[in-house]
């Protein structure tokens, strides 16, 4: 029983830790960077940033899809928390999927602006 509790607690802490690290992905002030972008190079740099962020979000989404598969395949290991873990994983997968899509849309916009810039 203690082993099941330990693994369930460990899984929940892992999920919480992955969410807590979101701050580190925005080391620069994006509002300022977007507002001050004037040249082709500025817009290309922003597009690369958004593409990198989209890639990071896709990697996180894949990680949570694997966790979800594990929760579904071995729900008996997690006891009552299994349904909560599955629901949480579904929510994170949706969140990261939407974030990746939004970042790719921003990258496409900046690629277009770069093409139109002098």
Protein backbone atom coordinates (compact mmCIF):
# COMPACT_ATOMS: atom_id res chain seq x y z
CA UNK A 1 0.00 0.00 0.00
CA UNK A 2 2.83 2.39 0.81
CA UNK A 3 4.45 1.72 -2.55
CA UNK A 4 1.25 2.66 -4.39
CA UNK A 5 0.93 5.83 -2.35
CA UNK A 6 4.57 6.69 -3.01
CA UNK A 7 4.24 6.26 -6.78
CA UNK A 8 0.99 8.22 -6.88
CA UNK A 9 2.55 11.06 -4.89
CA UNK A 10 5.64 10.95 -7.08
CA UNK A 11 3.53 11.18 -10.25
CA UNK A 12 1.53 14.11 -8.91
CA UNK A 13 4.70 15.92 -7.85
CA UNK A 14 6.16 15.33 -11.30
CA UNK A 15 3.10 16.87 -12.94
CA UNK A 16 3.18 19.84 -10.60
CA UNK A 17 6.88 20.37 -11.20
CA UNK A 18 6.39 20.38 -14.96
CA UNK A 19 3.72 23.05 -14.61
CA UNK A 20 5.81 25.17 -12.24
CA UNK A 21 8.61 25.54 -14.77
CA UNK A 22 6.55 27.53 -17.24
CA UNK A 23 8.16 30.79 -16.08
CA UNK A 24 11.59 29.87 -17.45
CA UNK A 25 10.37 29.80 -21.05
CA UNK A 26 9.92 33.56 -21.23
CA UNK A 27 13.30 35.03 -20.29
CA UNK A 28 12.60 38.17 -22.34
CA UNK A 29 9.73 40.60 -22.34
CA UNK A 30 7.77 39.38 -25.34
CA UNK A 31 5.49 42.41 -25.40
CA UNK A 32 8.48 44.70 -25.72
CA UNK A 33 10.14 42.46 -28.32
CA UNK A 34 6.99 42.30 -30.47
CA UNK A 35 6.33 46.04 -30.23
CA UNK A 36 9.90 46.97 -31.13
CA UNK A 37 10.25 44.54 -34.05
CA UNK A 38 10.78 46.59 -37.19
CA UNK A 39 13.26 44.77 -39.42
CA UNK A 40 13.21 41.45 -41.21
CA UNK A 41 15.80 40.12 -38.75
CA UNK A 42 13.63 41.15 -35.78
CA UNK A 43 10.61 39.31 -37.15
CA UNK A 44 12.66 36.25 -38.10
CA UNK A 45 14.10 36.12 -34.57
CA UNK A 46 10.59 36.30 -33.12
CA UNK A 47 9.40 33.59 -35.52
CA UNK A 48 12.27 31.32 -34.42
CA UNK A 49 11.41 32.01 -30.78
CA UNK A 50 7.76 31.07 -31.32
CA UNK A 51 8.74 27.96 -33.29
CA UNK A 52 11.07 26.89 -30.48
CA UNK A 53 8.29 27.45 -27.96
CA UNK A 54 5.90 25.41 -30.10
CA UNK A 55 8.44 22.58 -30.24
CA UNK A 56 8.82 22.70 -26.46
CA UNK A 57 5.04 22.57 -26.01
CA UNK A 58 4.79 19.62 -28.41
CA UNK A 59 7.48 17.76 -26.46
CA UNK A 60 5.62 18.36 -23.21
CA UNK A 61 2.38 17.23 -24.84
CA UNK A 62 4.05 13.97 -25.96
CA UNK A 63 5.42 13.44 -22.46
CA UNK A 64 1.95 13.78 -20.97
CA UNK A 65 0.44 11.51 -23.61
CA UNK A 66 2.90 8.81 -22.53
CA UNK A 67 1.98 9.40 -18.90
CA UNK A 68 -1.69 9.14 -19.80
CA UNK A 69 -1.07 5.84 -21.56
CA UNK A 70 0.65 4.58 -18.43
CA UNK A 71 -2.20 5.75 -16.21
CA UNK A 72 -4.73 4.02 -18.46
CA UNK A 73 -2.74 0.81 -18.81
CA UNK A 74 -1.86 0.52 -15.13
CA UNK A 75 -4.61 2.40 -13.34
CA UNK A 76 -4.70 -0.29 -10.67
CA UNK A 77 -1.30 1.01 -9.46
CA UNK A 78 -2.73 4.44 -8.71
CA UNK A 79 -5.90 3.45 -6.91
CA UNK A 80 -8.49 6.18 -6.50
CA UNK A 81 -6.12 8.82 -7.83
CA UNK A 82 -6.03 7.16 -11.26
CA UNK A 83 -9.06 9.05 -12.57
CA UNK A 84 -7.73 12.35 -11.27
CA UNK A 85 -4.34 11.69 -12.87
CA UNK A 86 -5.98 10.82 -16.17
CA UNK A 87 -8.16 13.94 -16.11
CA UNK A 88 -5.17 16.09 -15.22
CA UNK A 89 -3.15 14.56 -18.07
CA UNK A 90 -5.99 15.18 -20.54
CA UNK A 91 -6.14 18.82 -19.42
CA UNK A 92 -2.37 19.27 -19.78
CA UNK A 93 -2.38 17.64 -23.20
CA UNK A 94 -5.10 20.07 -24.37
CA UNK A 95 -3.23 23.01 -22.84
CA UNK A 96 0.09 22.15 -24.49
CA UNK A 97 -1.62 21.40 -27.81
CA UNK A 98 -3.33 24.80 -27.80
CA UNK A 99 -0.10 26.52 -26.73
CA UNK A 100 1.84 24.84 -29.55
CA UNK A 101 -0.79 25.88 -32.08
CA UNK A 102 -0.83 29.47 -30.82
CA UNK A 103 2.96 29.66 -30.98
CA UNK A 104 3.00 28.28 -34.54
CA UNK A 105 0.38 30.87 -35.55
CA UNK A 106 2.53 33.63 -34.06
CA UNK A 107 5.59 32.26 -35.86
CA UNK A 108 3.69 32.24 -39.17
CA UNK A 109 2.58 35.84 -38.61
CA UNK A 110 6.14 36.95 -37.95
CA UNK A 111 7.44 35.02 -40.97
CA UNK A 112 4.89 36.89 -43.08
CA UNK A 113 5.91 40.22 -41.55
CA UNK A 114 9.57 39.37 -42.15
CA UNK A 115 8.84 38.71 -45.82
CA UNK A 116 7.06 42.07 -46.09
CA UNK A 117 9.73 44.01 -44.16
CA UNK A 118 12.46 45.99 -45.85
